[in-house]
Amino acid sequence: MLHGFLPSLLQGALLTLSVALLSLAVAMVLGLIGCFAKLSRQRWLRWPAQWYTTIIRGVPDLVLVLLVFYGGQILINDLALRLGYQDYIDVDPFVAGVLTIGFIF
């Protein structure tokens, strides 16, 4: 039944584990920054952290994935054009996935 598909399944499992582990690292860094900001005595640090958690928790995960991948690509290319870079910049789906999942966690 799975004859010939084992290499593809192993490659997919490796890709899934690498996305999960790298997004965990991103999530830990962002989580620590958010934690210190929310516990800060400085109002200008607490306010954005509160908005971040309120907005991110209210938006479905799939919508964030689509926003980061497609919206991020549009934003990066628009900024590049404004800075004088004429070539198209293609966002790597692996990087977009790692950053999005890390951002969500």
C-alpha atoms as a PDB file:
ATOM      1  CA  MET A   1       0.000   0.000   0.000  1.00  0.00           C
ATOM      2  CA  LEU A   2       2.806   2.471   0.833  1.00  0.00           C
ATOM      3  CA  HIS A   3       5.270   0.923  -1.577  1.00  0.00           C
ATOM      4  CA  GLY A   4       7.589   3.622  -2.897  1.00  0.00           C
ATOM      5  CA  PHE A   5       6.298   6.399  -0.644  1.00  0.00           C
ATOM      6  CA  LEU A   6       8.616   5.880   2.335  1.00  0.00           C
ATOM      7  CA  PRO A   7      11.208   8.482   1.210  1.00  0.00           C
ATOM      8  CA  SER A   8       8.468  11.081   0.738  1.00  0.00           C
ATOM      9  CA  LEU A   9       6.935  10.268   4.126  1.00  0.00           C
ATOM     10  CA  LEU A  10      10.307  10.522   5.872  1.00  0.00           C
ATOM     11  CA  GLN A  11      11.080  13.801   4.117  1.00  0.00           C
ATOM     12  CA  GLY A  12       7.695  15.180   5.186  1.00  0.00           C
ATOM     13  CA  ALA A  13       8.233  14.043   8.773  1.00  0.00           C
ATOM     14  CA  LEU A  14      11.661  15.710   8.843  1.00  0.00           C
ATOM     15  CA  LEU A  15      10.224  18.939   7.437  1.00  0.00           C
ATOM     16  CA  THR A  16       7.399  18.885   9.992  1.00  0.00           C
ATOM     17  CA  LEU A  17       9.814  18.375  12.885  1.00  0.00           C
ATOM     18  CA  SER A  18      12.134  21.127  11.685  1.00  0.00           C
ATOM     19  CA  VAL A  19       9.250  23.608  11.361  1.00  0.00           C
ATOM     20  CA  ALA A  20       7.981  22.637  14.820  1.00  0.00           C
ATOM     21  CA  LEU A  21      11.358  22.967  16.544  1.00  0.00           C
ATOM     22  CA  LEU A  22      12.319  26.235  14.867  1.00  0.00           C
ATOM     23  CA  SER A  23       8.899  27.769  15.537  1.00  0.00           C
ATOM     24  CA  LEU A  24       9.246  26.694  19.168  1.00  0.00           C
ATOM     25  CA  ALA A  25      12.495  28.669  19.389  1.00  0.00           C
ATOM     26  CA  VAL A  26      10.843  31.727  17.803  1.00  0.00           C
ATOM     27  CA  ALA A  27       7.860  31.375  20.151  1.00  0.00           C
ATOM     28  CA  MET A  28      10.112  31.205  23.205  1.00  0.00           C
ATOM     29  CA  VAL A  29      11.940  34.393  22.245  1.00  0.00           C
ATOM     30  CA  LEU A  30       8.727  36.269  21.431  1.00  0.00           C
ATOM     31  CA  GLY A  31       7.055  34.875  24.556  1.00  0.00           C
ATOM     32  CA  LEU A  32       9.866  36.062  26.803  1.00  0.00           C
ATOM     33  CA  ILE A  33       9.811  39.511  25.240  1.00  0.00           C
ATOM     34  CA  GLY A  34       6.022  39.666  25.661  1.00  0.00           C
ATOM     35  CA  CYS A  35       6.240  38.395  29.233  1.00  0.00           C
ATOM     36  CA  PHE A  36       8.780  40.994  30.262  1.00  0.00           C
ATOM     37  CA  ALA A  37       6.778  43.698  28.501  1.00  0.00           C
ATOM     38  CA  LYS A  38       3.520  42.746  30.233  1.00  0.00           C
ATOM     39  CA  LEU A  39       5.201  42.589  33.632  1.00  0.00           C
ATOM     40  CA  SER A  40       7.041  45.853  33.120  1.00  0.00           C
ATOM     41  CA  ARG A  41       6.286  48.906  35.191  1.00  0.00           C
ATOM     42  CA  GLN A  42       6.575  51.023  32.058  1.00  0.00           C
ATOM     43  CA  ARG A  43       3.173  51.749  30.587  1.00  0.00           C
ATOM     44  CA  TRP A  44       4.559  52.164  27.057  1.00  0.00           C
ATOM     45  CA  LEU A  45       5.800  48.529  27.197  1.00  0.00           C
ATOM     46  CA  ARG A  46       2.673  47.011  28.744  1.00  0.00           C
ATOM     47  CA  TRP A  47       0.224  48.623  26.312  1.00  0.00           C
ATOM     48  CA  PRO A  48       1.600  47.080  23.052  1.00  0.00           C
ATOM     49  CA  ALA A  49       2.017  43.699  24.760  1.00  0.00           C
ATOM     50  CA  GLN A  50      -1.624  43.769  25.855  1.00  0.00           C
ATOM     51  CA  TRP A  51      -2.780  44.699  22.353  1.00  0.00           C
ATOM     52  CA  TYR A  52      -0.580  41.975  20.847  1.00  0.00           C
ATOM     53  CA  THR A  53      -2.152  39.244  22.970  1.00  0.00           C
ATOM     54  CA  THR A  54      -5.678  40.569  22.490  1.00  0.00           C
ATOM     55  CA  ILE A  55      -5.420  40.802  18.702  1.00  0.00           C
ATOM     56  CA  ILE A  56      -3.438  37.609  18.067  1.00  0.00           C
ATOM     57  CA  ARG A  57      -5.681  35.493  20.296  1.00  0.00           C
ATOM     58  CA  GLY A  58      -8.753  36.860  18.491  1.00  0.00           C
ATOM     59  CA  VAL A  59      -7.618  36.082  14.939  1.00  0.00           C
ATOM     60  CA  PRO A  60      -7.855  32.461  13.708  1.00  0.00           C
ATOM     61  CA  ASP A  61      -4.528  30.735  13.082  1.00  0.00           C
ATOM     62  CA  LEU A  62      -5.180  30.017   9.406  1.00  0.00           C
ATOM     63  CA  VAL A  63      -5.987  33.684   8.778  1.00  0.00           C
ATOM     64  CA  LEU A  64      -2.667  34.664  10.387  1.00  0.00           C
ATOM     65  CA  VAL A  65      -0.807  32.150   8.235  1.00  0.00           C
ATOM     66  CA  LEU A  66      -2.358  33.613   5.089  1.00  0.00           C
ATOM     67  CA  LEU A  67      -1.782  37.192   6.260  1.00  0.00           C
ATOM     68  CA  VAL A  68       1.865  36.611   7.055  1.00  0.00           C
ATOM     69  CA  PHE A  69       2.634  34.693   3.876  1.00  0.00           C
ATOM     70  CA  TYR A  70       0.718  36.725   1.317  1.00  0.00           C
ATOM     71  CA  GLY A  71       0.443  40.034   3.143  1.00  0.00           C
ATOM     72  CA  GLY A  72       4.057  39.877   4.270  1.00  0.00           C
ATOM     73  CA  GLN A  73       5.202  39.240   0.727  1.00  0.00           C
ATOM     74  CA  ILE A  74       3.214  42.218  -0.549  1.00  0.00           C
ATOM     75  CA  LEU A  75       4.529  44.410   2.272  1.00  0.00           C
ATOM     76  CA  ILE A  76       8.158  43.408   1.690  1.00  0.00           C
ATOM     77  CA  ASN A  77       7.909  44.013  -2.057  1.00  0.00           C
ATOM     78  CA  ASP A  78       6.170  47.355  -1.527  1.00  0.00           C
ATOM     79  CA  LEU A  79       8.850  48.490   0.906  1.00  0.00           C
ATOM     80  CA  ALA A  80      11.576  47.304  -1.465  1.00  0.00           C
ATOM     81  CA  LEU A  81      10.058  49.331  -4.309  1.00  0.00           C
ATOM     82  CA  ARG A  82       9.903  52.436  -2.115  1.00  0.00           C
ATOM     83  CA  LEU A  83      13.574  51.964  -1.238  1.00  0.00           C
ATOM     84  CA  GLY A  84      14.530  51.676  -4.910  1.00  0.00           C
ATOM     85  CA  TYR A  85      14.886  47.888  -5.239  1.00  0.00           C
ATOM     86  CA  GLN A  86      13.211  46.918  -8.517  1.00  0.00           C
ATOM     87  CA  ASP A  87      13.389  43.104  -8.419  1.00  0.00           C
ATOM     88  CA  TYR A  88      10.633  40.907  -6.998  1.00  0.00           C
ATOM     89  CA  ILE A  89      11.373  39.387  -3.575  1.00  0.00           C
ATOM     90  CA  ASP A  90       9.975  35.908  -3.044  1.00  0.00           C
ATOM     91  CA  VAL A  91       9.310  34.928   0.589  1.00  0.00           C
ATOM     92  CA  ASP A  92      10.356  31.376   1.399  1.00  0.00           C
ATOM     93  CA  PRO A  93       7.309  29.358   2.565  1.00  0.00           C
ATOM     94  CA  PHE A  94       9.424  27.544   5.179  1.00  0.00           C
ATOM     95  CA  VAL A  95      10.529  30.827   6.768  1.00  0.00           C
ATOM     96  CA  ALA A  96       7.002  32.241   6.612  1.00  0.00           C
ATOM     97  CA  GLY A  97       5.624  29.089   8.245  1.00  0.00           C
ATOM     98  CA  VAL A  98       8.205  29.078  11.036  1.00  0.00           C
ATOM     99  CA  LEU A  99       7.669  32.764  11.793  1.00  0.00           C
ATOM    100  CA  THR A 100       3.884  32.479  11.691  1.00  0.00           C
ATOM    101  CA  ILE A 101       3.668  29.438  13.935  1.00  0.00           C
ATOM    102  CA  GLY A 102       6.186  30.992  16.319  1.00  0.00           C
ATOM    103  CA  PHE A 103       4.175  34.204  16.283  1.00  0.00           C
ATOM    104  CA  ILE A 104       0.938  32.328  17.049  1.00  0.00           C
ATOM    105  CA  PHE A 105       2.393  30.294  19.931  1.00  0.00           C
END
